[in-house]
C-alpha atoms as a PDB file:
ATOM      1  CA  MET A   1       0.109   0.011  -0.061  1.00  0.00           C
ATOM      2  CA  ALA A   2       1.260   3.469  -0.866  1.00  0.00           C
ATOM      3  CA  LEU A   3       0.364   6.300   2.266  1.00  0.00           C
ATOM      4  CA  LEU A   4      -0.008  10.113   0.698  1.00  0.00           C
ATOM      5  CA  ARG A   5      -0.572  13.249   2.123  1.00  0.00           C
ATOM      6  CA  CYS A   6      -1.989  15.346  -0.677  1.00  0.00           C
ATOM      7  CA  ASP A   7      -2.427  19.441   0.041  1.00  0.00           C
ATOM      8  CA  PHE A   8      -4.797  21.028  -2.495  1.00  0.00           C
ATOM      9  CA  PHE A   9      -6.941  23.913  -3.118  1.00  0.00           C
ATOM     10  CA  SER A  10     -10.767  23.595  -2.556  1.00  0.00           C
ATOM     11  CA  ASP A  11     -13.123  26.205  -4.531  1.00  0.00           C
ATOM     12  CA  ALA A  12     -15.848  25.168  -2.503  1.00  0.00           C
ATOM     13  CA  LEU A  13     -13.988  26.212   0.702  1.00  0.00           C
ATOM     14  CA  GLY A  14     -12.058  29.059  -0.670  1.00  0.00           C
ATOM     15  CA  LEU A  15      -8.768  28.016   1.041  1.00  0.00           C
ATOM     16  CA  SER A  16      -6.379  25.346   0.603  1.00  0.00           C
ATOM     17  CA  THR A  17      -6.906  21.629   2.509  1.00  0.00           C
ATOM     18  CA  SER A  18      -5.899  18.362   2.789  1.00  0.00           C
ATOM     19  CA  MET A  19      -6.394  14.664   2.221  1.00  0.00           C
ATOM     20  CA  THR A  20      -4.696  11.536   3.457  1.00  0.00           C
ATOM     21  CA  VAL A  21      -4.680   8.739   0.842  1.00  0.00           C
ATOM     22  CA  ILE A  22      -4.163   5.091   1.264  1.00  0.00           C
ATOM     23  CA  LEU A  23      -4.002   3.406  -2.544  1.00  0.00           C
ATOM     24  CA  PRO A  24      -3.186  -0.215  -3.164  1.00  0.00           C
ATOM     25  CA  GLN A  25       0.339  -1.517  -4.402  1.00  0.00           C
ATOM     26  CA  LYS A  26       1.098  -5.014  -5.425  1.00  0.00           C
ATOM     27  CA  THR A  27       4.108  -6.360  -3.923  1.00  0.00           C
ATOM     28  CA  TYR A  28       5.764  -9.540  -4.044  1.00  0.00           C
ATOM     29  CA  THR A  29       8.489  -9.625  -1.512  1.00  0.00           C
ATOM     30  CA  GLN A  30       7.203  -7.128   1.230  1.00  0.00           C
ATOM     31  CA  ILE A  31       7.178  -9.349   4.601  1.00  0.00           C
ATOM     32  CA  GLY A  32       4.235  -9.752   6.775  1.00  0.00           C
ATOM     33  CA  MET A  33       1.697  -8.217   3.949  1.00  0.00           C
ATOM     34  CA  ASP A  34      -0.729  -9.727   1.676  1.00  0.00           C
ATOM     35  CA  SER A  35      -1.165  -6.933  -1.057  1.00  0.00           C
ATOM     36  CA  ALA A  36      -3.738  -6.792  -4.150  1.00  0.00           C
ATOM     37  CA  GLY A  37      -2.806  -3.841  -5.808  1.00  0.00           C
ATOM     38  CA  GLY A  38      -2.350  -3.556  -9.312  1.00  0.00           C
ATOM     39  CA  ALA A  39      -5.389  -5.968 -10.088  1.00  0.00           C
ATOM     40  CA  ARG A  40      -7.693  -2.983 -11.415  1.00  0.00           C
ATOM     41  CA  GLU A  41      -7.064   0.019 -13.586  1.00  0.00           C
ATOM     42  CA  LEU A  42      -9.607   2.113 -11.273  1.00  0.00           C
ATOM     43  CA  TYR A  43      -9.989   1.137  -7.494  1.00  0.00           C
ATOM     44  CA  PRO A  44     -12.987   0.877  -5.827  1.00  0.00           C
ATOM     45  CA  THR A  45     -13.061   3.738  -2.788  1.00  0.00           C
ATOM     46  CA  LEU A  46     -13.830   4.089   0.641  1.00  0.00           C
ATOM     47  CA  TYR A  47     -14.306   7.757   1.838  1.00  0.00           C
ATOM     48  CA  LEU A  48     -13.280   7.457   5.526  1.00  0.00           C
ATOM     49  CA  LEU A  49     -14.329  10.369   7.550  1.00  0.00           C
ATOM     50  CA  HIS A  50     -13.251  11.792  10.942  1.00  0.00           C
ATOM     51  CA  GLY A  51     -15.048  12.698  14.166  1.00  0.00           C
ATOM     52  CA  LEU A  52     -15.165  16.272  15.765  1.00  0.00           C
ATOM     53  CA  SER A  53     -11.438  16.808  17.485  1.00  0.00           C
ATOM     54  CA  ASP A  54      -9.763  15.089  14.401  1.00  0.00           C
ATOM     55  CA  ASP A  55      -8.282  15.549  10.902  1.00  0.00           C
ATOM     56  CA  ASP A  56      -7.458  13.722   7.658  1.00  0.00           C
ATOM     57  CA  THR A  57      -4.522  11.853   9.354  1.00  0.00           C
ATOM     58  CA  ILE A  58      -6.352  10.389  12.578  1.00  0.00           C
ATOM     59  CA  TRP A  59      -7.352   7.164  10.966  1.00  0.00           C
ATOM     60  CA  SER A  60      -3.970   6.167   9.873  1.00  0.00           C
ATOM     61  CA  ARG A  61      -2.266   7.248  13.108  1.00  0.00           C
ATOM     62  CA  ARG A  62      -4.955   5.561  15.370  1.00  0.00           C
ATOM     63  CA  THR A  63      -5.771   2.563  13.695  1.00  0.00           C
ATOM     64  CA  SER A  64      -3.970   0.081  11.149  1.00  0.00           C
ATOM     65  CA  VAL A  65      -6.470   0.778   8.380  1.00  0.00           C
ATOM     66  CA  GLU A  66      -3.786   0.661   5.996  1.00  0.00           C
ATOM     67  CA  ARG A  67      -2.697  -3.030   6.394  1.00  0.00           C
ATOM     68  CA  TYR A  68      -6.141  -4.168   7.084  1.00  0.00           C
ATOM     69  CA  ALA A  69      -6.856  -2.948   3.460  1.00  0.00           C
ATOM     70  CA  ALA A  70      -3.756  -4.284   1.850  1.00  0.00           C
ATOM     71  CA  SER A  71      -5.400  -7.356   0.576  1.00  0.00           C
ATOM     72  CA  LEU A  72      -8.936  -5.930  -0.881  1.00  0.00           C
ATOM     73  CA  GLY A  73      -7.641  -3.635  -3.521  1.00  0.00           C
ATOM     74  CA  LEU A  74      -9.308  -0.714  -1.927  1.00  0.00           C
ATOM     75  CA  ALA A  75      -8.319   2.835  -2.119  1.00  0.00           C
ATOM     76  CA  ILE A  76      -8.963   4.920   0.841  1.00  0.00           C
ATOM     77  CA  VAL A  77      -9.496   8.759   0.721  1.00  0.00           C
ATOM     78  CA  MET A  78      -9.608  10.562   4.228  1.00  0.00           C
ATOM     79  CA  PRO A  79     -10.301  14.199   3.810  1.00  0.00           C
ATOM     80  CA  ASN A  80     -10.032  17.244   6.406  1.00  0.00           C
ATOM     81  CA  VAL A  81     -13.345  18.909   7.461  1.00  0.00           C
ATOM     82  CA  HIS A  82     -12.288  20.482  10.794  1.00  0.00           C
ATOM     83  CA  ARG A  83     -15.354  20.790  13.232  1.00  0.00           C
ATOM     84  CA  SER A  84     -18.119  21.310  10.436  1.00  0.00           C
ATOM     85  CA  PHE A  85     -20.596  18.161  11.060  1.00  0.00           C
ATOM     86  CA  TYR A  86     -20.308  17.879   7.109  1.00  0.00           C
ATOM     87  CA  ASN A  87     -22.369  20.516   6.691  1.00  0.00           C
ATOM     88  CA  ASP A  88     -22.288  23.648   4.637  1.00  0.00           C
ATOM     89  CA  MET A  89     -22.163  25.768   7.928  1.00  0.00           C
ATOM     90  CA  GLU A  90     -24.429  28.470   8.759  1.00  0.00           C
ATOM     91  CA  TYR A  91     -20.872  30.320   9.965  1.00  0.00           C
ATOM     92  CA  GLY A  92     -18.338  28.340   8.172  1.00  0.00           C
ATOM     93  CA  GLY A  93     -16.869  26.632   4.716  1.00  0.00           C
ATOM     94  CA  ARG A  94     -18.948  25.063   2.609  1.00  0.00           C
ATOM     95  CA  TYR A  95     -17.877  21.378   3.834  1.00  0.00           C
ATOM     96  CA  TRP A  96     -21.075  19.404   2.595  1.00  0.00           C
ATOM     97  CA  THR A  97     -20.430  20.667  -0.981  1.00  0.00           C
ATOM     98  CA  PHE A  98     -16.796  20.079  -0.754  1.00  0.00           C
ATOM     99  CA  LEU A  99     -17.428  16.480   0.326  1.00  0.00           C
ATOM    100  CA  THR A 100     -19.935  15.368  -1.915  1.00  0.00           C
ATOM    101  CA  GLU A 101     -19.354  17.177  -4.977  1.00  0.00           C
ATOM    102  CA  GLU A 102     -15.734  18.819  -5.080  1.00  0.00           C
ATOM    103  CA  LEU A 103     -13.769  15.818  -3.408  1.00  0.00           C
ATOM    104  CA  PRO A 104     -14.812  12.958  -5.293  1.00  0.00           C
ATOM    105  CA  ALA A 105     -13.886  14.873  -8.775  1.00  0.00           C
ATOM    106  CA  ILE A 106     -10.447  16.199  -7.173  1.00  0.00           C
ATOM    107  CA  ALA A 107      -9.487  12.856  -5.969  1.00  0.00           C
ATOM    108  CA  ARG A 108     -10.580  11.126  -9.382  1.00  0.00           C
ATOM    109  CA  SER A 109      -8.252  13.509 -10.934  1.00  0.00           C
ATOM    110  CA  PHE A 110      -5.378  12.697  -9.134  1.00  0.00           C
ATOM    111  CA  PHE A 111      -5.588   9.011  -8.605  1.00  0.00           C
ATOM    112  CA  PRO A 112      -6.807   6.001 -10.302  1.00  0.00           C
ATOM    113  CA  LEU A 113     -10.448   5.969  -8.535  1.00  0.00           C
ATOM    114  CA  SER A 114     -13.389   4.331  -9.937  1.00  0.00           C
ATOM    115  CA  GLY A 115     -16.173   6.568 -10.401  1.00  0.00           C
ATOM    116  CA  ALA A 116     -19.048   3.978 -10.448  1.00  0.00           C
ATOM    117  CA  ARG A 117     -21.636   4.151  -7.854  1.00  0.00           C
ATOM    118  CA  GLU A 118     -20.976   0.227  -6.805  1.00  0.00           C
ATOM    119  CA  ASP A 119     -17.157   1.178  -6.448  1.00  0.00           C
ATOM    120  CA  THR A 120     -18.324   3.952  -3.811  1.00  0.00           C
ATOM    121  CA  PHE A 121     -18.510   3.779  -0.294  1.00  0.00           C
ATOM    122  CA  ALA A 122     -18.078   5.957   2.741  1.00  0.00           C
ATOM    123  CA  ALA A 123     -17.687   5.205   6.656  1.00  0.00           C
ATOM    124  CA  GLY A 124     -16.518   7.192   9.546  1.00  0.00           C
ATOM    125  CA  LEU A 125     -16.711   7.307  13.171  1.00  0.00           C
ATOM    126  CA  SER A 126     -18.656   9.709  15.604  1.00  0.00           C
ATOM    127  CA  MET A 127     -19.410  13.061  13.569  1.00  0.00           C
ATOM    128  CA  GLY A 128     -17.958  11.228  10.666  1.00  0.00           C
ATOM    129  CA  GLY A 129     -20.269   8.357  10.849  1.00  0.00           C
ATOM    130  CA  TYR A 130     -23.128  11.062  10.723  1.00  0.00           C
ATOM    131  CA  GLY A 131     -21.254  12.365   7.862  1.00  0.00           C
ATOM    132  CA  ALA A 132     -21.191   8.844   5.931  1.00  0.00           C
ATOM    133  CA  MET A 133     -24.708   8.364   6.221  1.00  0.00           C
ATOM    134  CA  LYS A 134     -25.910  11.456   5.707  1.00  0.00           C
ATOM    135  CA  TRP A 135     -24.120  11.425   2.410  1.00  0.00           C
ATOM    136  CA  ALA A 136     -25.442   7.915   1.770  1.00  0.00           C
ATOM    137  CA  LEU A 137     -29.334   9.048   2.493  1.00  0.00           C
ATOM    138  CA  ASN A 138     -29.107  12.451   0.765  1.00  0.00           C
ATOM    139  CA  ARG A 139     -26.911  11.004  -2.506  1.00  0.00           C
ATOM    140  CA  PRO A 140     -27.980   7.035  -3.064  1.00  0.00           C
ATOM    141  CA  ASP A 141     -26.967   7.959  -6.425  1.00  0.00           C
ATOM    142  CA  MET A 142     -23.314   8.079  -5.269  1.00  0.00           C
ATOM    143  CA  LEU A 143     -22.592   5.642  -2.576  1.00  0.00           C
ATOM    144  CA  ALA A 144     -23.431   1.755  -2.700  1.00  0.00           C
ATOM    145  CA  ALA A 145     -22.590   1.620   1.338  1.00  0.00           C
ATOM    146  CA  ALA A 146     -22.218   3.342   4.129  1.00  0.00           C
ATOM    147  CA  ALA A 147     -21.069   2.880   8.013  1.00  0.00           C
ATOM    148  CA  SER A 148     -21.275   4.504  11.035  1.00  0.00           C
ATOM    149  CA  LEU A 149     -19.021   3.724  14.135  1.00  0.00           C
ATOM    150  CA  SER A 150     -20.500   5.348  17.113  1.00  0.00           C
ATOM    151  CA  GLY A 151     -22.117   7.908  14.991  1.00  0.00           C
ATOM    152  CA  ALA A 152     -23.716  11.306  16.023  1.00  0.00           C
ATOM    153  CA  LEU A 153     -26.881   9.615  14.217  1.00  0.00           C
ATOM    154  CA  ASP A 154     -29.928  11.477  15.965  1.00  0.00           C
ATOM    155  CA  MET A 155     -28.712  15.043  14.788  1.00  0.00           C
ATOM    156  CA  VAL A 156     -32.302  16.586  15.778  1.00  0.00           C
ATOM    157  CA  SER A 157     -32.369  15.496  19.612  1.00  0.00           C
ATOM    158  CA  LEU A 158     -28.365  16.156  19.948  1.00  0.00           C
ATOM    159  CA  VAL A 159     -29.082  19.717  18.475  1.00  0.00           C
ATOM    160  CA  ARG A 160     -32.092  20.426  20.707  1.00  0.00           C
ATOM    161  CA  GLN A 161     -30.225  19.443  23.915  1.00  0.00           C
ATOM    162  CA  PRO A 162     -26.302  19.686  23.163  1.00  0.00           C
ATOM    163  CA  GLU A 163     -23.356  18.163  25.296  1.00  0.00           C
ATOM    164  CA  PRO A 164     -22.117  21.643  26.435  1.00  0.00           C
ATOM    165  CA  TRP A 165     -18.928  20.878  25.108  1.00  0.00           C
ATOM    166  CA  VAL A 166     -20.053  20.437  21.432  1.00  0.00           C
ATOM    167  CA  LYS A 167     -22.580  23.406  21.601  1.00  0.00           C
ATOM    168  CA  PRO A 168     -20.122  25.856  20.106  1.00  0.00           C
ATOM    169  CA  ALA A 169     -19.590  23.451  17.085  1.00  0.00           C
ATOM    170  CA  LEU A 170     -23.200  22.710  16.435  1.00  0.00           C
ATOM    171  CA  ASP A 171     -23.882  26.573  16.552  1.00  0.00           C
ATOM    172  CA  LEU A 172     -21.477  27.050  14.132  1.00  0.00           C
ATOM    173  CA  ALA A 173     -22.545  24.499  11.978  1.00  0.00           C
ATOM    174  CA  TYR A 174     -26.550  24.869  11.940  1.00  0.00           C
ATOM    175  CA  GLY A 175     -27.177  28.490  13.763  1.00  0.00           C
ATOM    176  CA  ASP A 176     -30.552  28.164  15.118  1.00  0.00           C
ATOM    177  CA  LYS A 177     -32.223  25.749  12.345  1.00  0.00           C
ATOM    178  CA  GLU A 178     -34.630  23.290  13.122  1.00  0.00           C
ATOM    179  CA  LEU A 179     -33.403  20.189  11.851  1.00  0.00           C
ATOM    180  CA  ALA A 180     -36.437  17.960  11.797  1.00  0.00           C
ATOM    181  CA  GLY A 181     -37.437  16.938   8.336  1.00  0.00           C
ATOM    182  CA  THR A 182     -34.623  18.335   6.575  1.00  0.00           C
ATOM    183  CA  GLU A 183     -31.518  16.835   4.828  1.00  0.00           C
ATOM    184  CA  HIS A 184     -29.521  16.921   8.073  1.00  0.00           C
ATOM    185  CA  ASP A 185     -32.434  14.467   9.662  1.00  0.00           C
ATOM    186  CA  LEU A 186     -31.243  10.939   8.706  1.00  0.00           C
ATOM    187  CA  ILE A 187     -33.946   9.562  10.745  1.00  0.00           C
ATOM    188  CA  SER A 188     -36.705  11.253   8.420  1.00  0.00           C
ATOM    189  CA  LEU A 189     -34.143  10.313   5.310  1.00  0.00           C
ATOM    190  CA  LEU A 190     -34.549   6.816   5.924  1.00  0.00           C
ATOM    191  CA  ALA A 191     -38.116   6.895   5.496  1.00  0.00           C
ATOM    192  CA  LYS A 192     -37.702   8.745   2.271  1.00  0.00           C
ATOM    193  CA  VAL A 193     -35.011   6.523   0.860  1.00  0.00           C
ATOM    194  CA  ASP A 194     -36.866   3.371   1.408  1.00  0.00           C
ATOM    195  CA  ALA A 195     -40.135   4.705   0.062  1.00  0.00           C
ATOM    196  CA  SER A 196     -38.039   6.097  -2.973  1.00  0.00           C
ATOM    197  CA  GLY A 197     -38.108   4.189  -6.156  1.00  0.00           C
ATOM    198  CA  GLY A 198     -34.031   5.062  -7.040  1.00  0.00           C
ATOM    199  CA  PRO A 199     -31.005   3.066  -5.343  1.00  0.00           C
ATOM    200  CA  LYS A 200     -30.832   2.162  -1.989  1.00  0.00           C
ATOM    201  CA  PRO A 201     -27.243   1.873  -0.305  1.00  0.00           C
ATOM    202  CA  LYS A 202     -26.338  -0.985   2.244  1.00  0.00           C
ATOM    203  CA  LEU A 203     -26.013   0.485   5.639  1.00  0.00           C
ATOM    204  CA  TYR A 204     -24.042  -0.744   8.545  1.00  0.00           C
ATOM    205  CA  GLN A 205     -24.207   0.469  12.374  1.00  0.00           C
ATOM    206  CA  TRP A 206     -22.120  -0.305  15.456  1.00  0.00           C
ATOM    207  CA  CYS A 207     -22.060   1.491  18.808  1.00  0.00           C
ATOM    208  CA  GLY A 208     -20.777   0.312  22.375  1.00  0.00           C
ATOM    209  CA  THR A 209     -23.547   0.498  24.889  1.00  0.00           C
ATOM    210  CA  GLU A 210     -21.687   2.751  27.183  1.00  0.00           C
ATOM    211  CA  ASP A 211     -21.207   5.365  24.721  1.00  0.00           C
ATOM    212  CA  PHE A 212     -22.700   8.819  25.389  1.00  0.00           C
ATOM    213  CA  LEU A 213     -24.197   8.606  21.879  1.00  0.00           C
ATOM    214  CA  TYR A 214     -25.836   5.289  22.608  1.00  0.00           C
ATOM    215  CA  PRO A 215     -29.234   7.023  22.400  1.00  0.00           C
ATOM    216  CA  SER A 216     -28.728   8.369  19.123  1.00  0.00           C
ATOM    217  CA  ASN A 217     -27.772   5.118  17.847  1.00  0.00           C
ATOM    218  CA  VAL A 218     -30.836   3.259  19.146  1.00  0.00           C
ATOM    219  CA  ALA A 219     -33.152   6.152  17.804  1.00  0.00           C
ATOM    220  CA  PHE A 220     -31.694   5.787  14.164  1.00  0.00           C
ATOM    221  CA  ARG A 221     -31.433   1.649  14.603  1.00  0.00           C
ATOM    222  CA  ASP A 222     -35.225   1.675  15.404  1.00  0.00           C
ATOM    223  CA  ALA A 223     -35.859   3.799  12.471  1.00  0.00           C
ATOM    224  CA  CYS A 224     -33.821   1.665  10.085  1.00  0.00           C
ATOM    225  CA  ARG A 225     -35.772  -1.519  11.075  1.00  0.00           C
ATOM    226  CA  ARG A 226     -38.905  -0.155  10.341  1.00  0.00           C
ATOM    227  CA  THR A 227     -37.711  -0.051   6.618  1.00  0.00           C
ATOM    228  CA  GLY A 228     -36.669  -2.410   3.871  1.00  0.00           C
ATOM    229  CA  LEU A 229     -33.145  -1.287   3.752  1.00  0.00           C
ATOM    230  CA  ASP A 230     -30.420  -3.572   3.699  1.00  0.00           C
ATOM    231  CA  PHE A 231     -29.111  -2.968   7.183  1.00  0.00           C
ATOM    232  CA  THR A 232     -26.628  -4.437   9.433  1.00  0.00           C
ATOM    233  CA  TYR A 233     -26.549  -3.216  12.974  1.00  0.00           C
ATOM    234  CA  GLU A 234     -24.355  -4.300  16.020  1.00  0.00           C
ATOM    235  CA  GLU A 235     -23.473  -3.308  19.535  1.00  0.00           C
ATOM    236  CA  GLY A 236     -21.051  -4.448  22.255  1.00  0.00           C
ATOM    237  CA  PRO A 237     -19.697  -3.432  25.495  1.00  0.00           C
ATOM    238  CA  GLY A 238     -17.487  -0.243  25.123  1.00  0.00           C
ATOM    239  CA  GLY A 239     -17.503   3.474  25.296  1.00  0.00           C
ATOM    240  CA  HIS A 240     -15.926   6.404  22.667  1.00  0.00           C
ATOM    241  CA  SER A 241     -12.657   5.084  22.041  1.00  0.00           C
ATOM    242  CA  TRP A 242     -10.286   4.011  19.485  1.00  0.00           C
ATOM    243  CA  ASP A 243      -9.800   0.505  20.711  1.00  0.00           C
ATOM    244  CA  HIS A 244     -13.132  -0.196  19.672  1.00  0.00           C
ATOM    245  CA  TRP A 245     -12.864   1.809  15.925  1.00  0.00           C
ATOM    246  CA  ASP A 246      -9.532  -0.026  15.206  1.00  0.00           C
ATOM    247  CA  ALA A 247     -11.103  -3.078  15.729  1.00  0.00           C
ATOM    248  CA  LYS A 248     -14.792  -2.747  14.019  1.00  0.00           C
ATOM    249  CA  ILE A 249     -13.014  -0.728  10.616  1.00  0.00           C
ATOM    250  CA  GLN A 250     -11.845  -4.278  10.144  1.00  0.00           C
ATOM    251  CA  ASP A 251     -15.517  -5.349  10.167  1.00  0.00           C
ATOM    252  CA  VAL A 252     -16.823  -2.605   8.091  1.00  0.00           C
ATOM    253  CA  LEU A 253     -13.828  -3.327   5.337  1.00  0.00           C
ATOM    254  CA  LYS A 254     -15.063  -7.335   5.501  1.00  0.00           C
ATOM    255  CA  TRP A 255     -18.533  -6.166   5.132  1.00  0.00           C
ATOM    256  CA  LEU A 256     -18.275  -3.677   2.255  1.00  0.00           C
ATOM    257  CA  PRO A 257     -20.032  -4.956  -1.203  1.00  0.00           C
ATOM    258  CA  LEU A 258     -16.735  -5.168  -2.869  1.00  0.00           C
ATOM    259  CA  ARG A 259     -17.173  -6.132  -6.624  1.00  0.00           C
END
């Protein structure tokens, strides 16, 4: 695998930003690695999203995701979105436009990544779990699958009764907007996607039962179970920490519907 830090300019944000990218590499003499690079001209791609306090480097620093993906022939793109909640912020940058429109086009112009829906996936933790599900449910034409680990999935309730330490970020992202029934409300989006005649992404969700976001995950889980969507739910003992995410990202990679 190749690990690259890419600095580039974003027209959507009006500033220079960065992404960390993992690309497949076929090797023959590398000790301890089972690689599958070089098998395709264009690689399936996982957009792997960070949480509120992190940046584009965090998945490669806190987990062994590069090693876990080596045998899959899968490219991984990890963008930097700061504390935006993957939103076109009320007071800040246009991070939703950046994520869903600009980033895929730029990444595909730089690297040999497939543009097919069947080869395009998103996953993330905490704020990034919300971003991945928001992307899949608002743009099911773009993503074949999305996964959330400890995600902030009931954003309506989280904004109405925010934790004090996260309230400033929520205020910048959403202002005083009511989110129920909007593109930010994942629970209402589930029913809309299920009732639509269009493509429907596969969804995967995991959360620890001691996580402060567990109630948010239960609300999303119950709403998803009321639909006919292809949905996998798992939970287990644990809180909001990297030891769980390092383990569960391996399950996500195994679950992805790679062709």
